[in-house]
N, C-alpha and C. Protein backbone atom coordinates (compact mmCIF):
# COMPACT_ATOMS: atom_id res chain seq x y z
N UNK A 1 61.18 98.99 152.17
CA UNK A 1 61.94 99.22 151.10
C UNK A 1 62.28 97.87 150.50
N UNK A 2 62.10 97.75 149.15
CA UNK A 2 62.35 96.50 148.35
C UNK A 2 63.59 96.85 147.40
N UNK A 3 64.59 96.08 147.53
CA UNK A 3 65.79 96.10 146.51
C UNK A 3 65.88 94.87 145.74
N UNK A 4 65.92 94.90 144.50
CA UNK A 4 66.03 93.65 143.61
C UNK A 4 67.35 93.70 142.94
N UNK A 5 68.12 92.53 142.97
CA UNK A 5 69.26 92.38 142.27
C UNK A 5 68.75 91.59 140.84
N UNK A 6 68.82 92.46 139.77
CA UNK A 6 68.30 91.85 138.57
C UNK A 6 69.54 91.67 137.62
N UNK A 7 70.18 90.48 137.98
CA UNK A 7 71.39 90.08 137.15
C UNK A 7 70.94 88.71 136.64
N UNK A 8 70.99 88.54 135.23
CA UNK A 8 70.75 87.28 134.62
C UNK A 8 72.10 86.73 134.13
N UNK A 9 72.55 85.64 134.73
CA UNK A 9 73.87 85.08 134.45
C UNK A 9 73.82 83.79 133.67
N UNK A 10 74.87 83.33 133.20
CA UNK A 10 74.99 81.97 132.62
C UNK A 10 76.18 81.41 133.24
N UNK A 11 76.25 80.10 133.11
CA UNK A 11 77.31 79.30 133.79
C UNK A 11 78.42 79.12 132.55
N UNK A 12 79.54 79.45 132.96
CA UNK A 12 80.84 79.24 132.15
C UNK A 12 81.83 78.47 132.84
N UNK A 13 82.07 77.28 132.53
CA UNK A 13 82.96 76.32 133.24
C UNK A 13 82.56 76.28 134.82
N UNK A 14 81.29 76.24 134.99
CA UNK A 14 80.96 76.04 136.44
C UNK A 14 80.74 77.41 137.26
N UNK A 15 81.02 78.48 136.61
CA UNK A 15 81.05 79.85 137.26
C UNK A 15 79.96 80.59 136.66
N UNK A 16 79.12 81.37 137.49
CA UNK A 16 78.12 82.25 136.93
C UNK A 16 78.76 83.51 136.53
N UNK A 17 78.62 83.92 135.32
CA UNK A 17 78.99 85.26 134.81
C UNK A 17 77.82 85.96 134.14
N UNK A 18 77.96 87.30 134.06
CA UNK A 18 76.86 88.11 133.49
C UNK A 18 76.55 87.61 132.02
N UNK A 19 75.38 87.49 131.60
CA UNK A 19 74.97 87.08 130.24
C UNK A 19 74.94 88.37 129.39
N UNK A 20 76.02 88.86 129.04
CA UNK A 20 76.01 90.06 128.30
C UNK A 20 75.38 90.06 126.88
N UNK A 21 75.24 88.84 126.46
CA UNK A 21 74.64 88.78 125.12
C UNK A 21 73.17 89.11 125.13
N UNK A 22 72.57 88.97 126.28
CA UNK A 22 71.07 89.26 126.51
C UNK A 22 70.75 90.48 127.18
N UNK A 23 71.80 91.41 127.29
CA UNK A 23 71.59 92.68 127.98
C UNK A 23 70.35 93.43 127.48
N UNK A 24 70.16 93.50 126.20
CA UNK A 24 68.92 94.17 125.70
C UNK A 24 67.69 93.60 126.27
N UNK A 25 67.55 92.41 126.40
CA UNK A 25 66.40 91.69 126.96
C UNK A 25 66.23 91.84 128.43
N UNK A 26 67.38 91.66 129.13
CA UNK A 26 67.49 91.75 130.55
C UNK A 26 67.11 93.14 131.09
N UNK A 27 67.65 94.12 130.32
CA UNK A 27 67.48 95.47 130.79
C UNK A 27 66.30 96.22 130.16
N UNK A 28 65.35 95.41 129.69
CA UNK A 28 64.09 95.99 129.09
C UNK A 28 63.03 96.27 129.95
N UNK A 29 62.03 97.10 129.61
CA UNK A 29 60.96 97.49 130.48
C UNK A 29 59.85 96.23 130.53
N UNK A 30 59.86 95.52 129.47
CA UNK A 30 58.89 94.43 129.40
C UNK A 30 59.46 93.27 128.68
N UNK A 31 58.84 92.11 128.86
CA UNK A 31 59.26 90.87 128.15
C UNK A 31 59.77 89.93 129.23
N UNK A 32 59.93 88.65 128.72
CA UNK A 32 60.55 87.54 129.60
C UNK A 32 61.84 87.80 130.06
N UNK A 33 62.25 87.78 131.27
CA UNK A 33 63.47 88.07 131.88
C UNK A 33 63.86 89.52 132.08
N UNK A 34 62.88 90.39 131.75
CA UNK A 34 63.14 91.86 131.78
C UNK A 34 63.00 92.44 133.24
N UNK A 35 63.38 93.70 133.42
CA UNK A 35 63.24 94.38 134.60
C UNK A 35 61.79 94.46 134.97
N UNK A 36 60.99 94.79 133.98
CA UNK A 36 59.52 94.93 134.12
C UNK A 36 58.98 93.57 134.68
N UNK A 37 59.32 92.43 134.05
CA UNK A 37 58.89 91.05 134.55
C UNK A 37 59.16 90.80 135.91
N UNK A 38 60.49 91.20 136.36
CA UNK A 38 60.92 91.10 137.74
C UNK A 38 60.22 91.95 138.67
N UNK A 39 59.85 93.17 138.26
CA UNK A 39 59.12 93.99 139.13
C UNK A 39 57.62 93.44 139.27
N UNK A 40 57.12 92.91 138.16
CA UNK A 40 55.77 92.32 138.26
C UNK A 40 55.76 91.10 139.25
N UNK A 41 56.84 90.28 139.26
CA UNK A 41 57.01 89.19 140.14
C UNK A 41 56.99 89.72 141.54
N UNK A 42 57.69 90.81 141.89
CA UNK A 42 57.67 91.41 143.28
C UNK A 42 56.36 91.76 143.65
N UNK A 43 55.60 92.46 142.72
CA UNK A 43 54.35 92.97 143.04
C UNK A 43 53.41 91.80 143.41
N UNK A 44 53.43 90.76 142.62
CA UNK A 44 52.57 89.64 142.95
C UNK A 44 52.96 89.00 144.17
N UNK A 45 54.31 88.84 144.51
CA UNK A 45 54.74 88.16 145.64
C UNK A 45 54.70 88.96 147.08
N UNK A 46 54.99 90.19 146.95
CA UNK A 46 55.05 91.08 148.06
C UNK A 46 54.01 92.21 148.14
N UNK A 47 53.19 92.39 147.10
CA UNK A 47 52.21 93.37 147.01
C UNK A 47 52.71 94.76 146.73
N UNK A 48 53.88 94.92 146.25
CA UNK A 48 54.36 96.27 145.87
C UNK A 48 55.67 96.17 144.99
N UNK A 49 55.82 97.17 144.12
CA UNK A 49 57.02 97.28 143.19
C UNK A 49 58.25 97.47 144.06
N UNK A 50 59.39 97.07 143.52
CA UNK A 50 60.65 97.47 144.19
C UNK A 50 60.98 98.94 144.21
N UNK A 51 61.67 99.36 145.30
CA UNK A 51 61.97 100.83 145.22
C UNK A 51 63.34 100.99 144.45
N UNK A 52 64.11 99.94 144.39
CA UNK A 52 65.46 99.99 143.73
C UNK A 52 65.62 98.72 142.90
N UNK A 53 66.27 98.87 141.81
CA UNK A 53 66.66 97.63 140.90
C UNK A 53 68.07 97.85 140.58
N UNK A 54 68.88 96.85 141.00
CA UNK A 54 70.23 96.79 140.65
C UNK A 54 70.52 96.01 139.32
N UNK A 55 71.21 96.58 138.51
CA UNK A 55 71.44 95.85 137.17
C UNK A 55 72.89 95.91 136.78
N UNK A 56 73.26 94.85 135.93
CA UNK A 56 74.57 94.85 135.37
C UNK A 56 74.45 95.75 134.10
N UNK A 57 75.55 96.44 133.69
CA UNK A 57 75.65 97.10 132.43
C UNK A 57 74.52 98.01 132.11
N UNK A 58 74.24 99.11 132.94
CA UNK A 58 73.12 99.89 132.90
C UNK A 58 73.09 100.65 131.49
N UNK A 59 74.23 100.61 130.70
CA UNK A 59 74.21 101.37 129.55
C UNK A 59 73.91 100.44 128.33
N UNK A 60 73.46 99.32 128.63
CA UNK A 60 73.02 98.36 127.59
C UNK A 60 71.57 97.95 127.76
N UNK A 61 70.81 97.98 126.64
CA UNK A 61 69.34 97.72 126.87
C UNK A 61 68.72 99.09 127.05
N UNK A 62 67.59 99.05 127.64
CA UNK A 62 66.83 100.31 127.97
C UNK A 62 66.38 100.45 129.45
N UNK A 63 67.40 100.57 130.19
CA UNK A 63 67.22 100.53 131.80
C UNK A 63 66.30 101.90 132.04
N UNK A 64 66.52 102.85 131.35
CA UNK A 64 65.82 104.12 131.70
C UNK A 64 64.30 104.13 131.29
N UNK A 65 63.98 103.33 130.34
CA UNK A 65 62.51 103.02 129.96
C UNK A 65 61.95 102.20 131.00
N UNK A 66 62.60 101.23 131.58
CA UNK A 66 62.14 100.37 132.61
C UNK A 66 61.94 101.19 133.91
N UNK A 67 62.83 102.15 134.21
CA UNK A 67 62.83 103.05 135.36
C UNK A 67 61.50 103.88 135.21
N UNK A 68 61.34 104.49 134.04
CA UNK A 68 60.12 105.24 133.80
C UNK A 68 58.85 104.55 133.99
N UNK A 69 58.92 103.29 133.55
CA UNK A 69 57.69 102.46 133.56
C UNK A 69 57.34 102.15 135.08
N UNK A 70 58.36 101.79 135.84
CA UNK A 70 58.22 101.52 137.31
C UNK A 70 57.72 102.83 138.01
N UNK A 71 58.17 103.97 137.59
CA UNK A 71 57.70 105.22 138.27
C UNK A 71 56.42 105.86 137.75
N UNK A 72 55.92 105.15 136.66
CA UNK A 72 54.65 105.71 136.12
C UNK A 72 54.86 106.99 135.25
N UNK A 73 56.07 107.15 134.70
CA UNK A 73 56.30 108.25 133.83
C UNK A 73 56.12 107.83 132.39
N UNK A 74 55.34 108.61 131.72
CA UNK A 74 55.11 108.26 130.30
C UNK A 74 56.17 108.92 129.41
């Protein structure tokens, strides 16, 4: 079983906080920094897609399109 923490943060005063301004990009199915890109990295590194992807702010961006893509649902 593979679990991925897909949180893209930014440093504010030396502390990592969620980069909410980029939620649409971070929670996308494709593109640089997206859930899809992270799943592709897992596939290349470990030979399989993750079973679970943990995200910040699931209601921002298109997390469900990324889920459908990972599950092969059109």
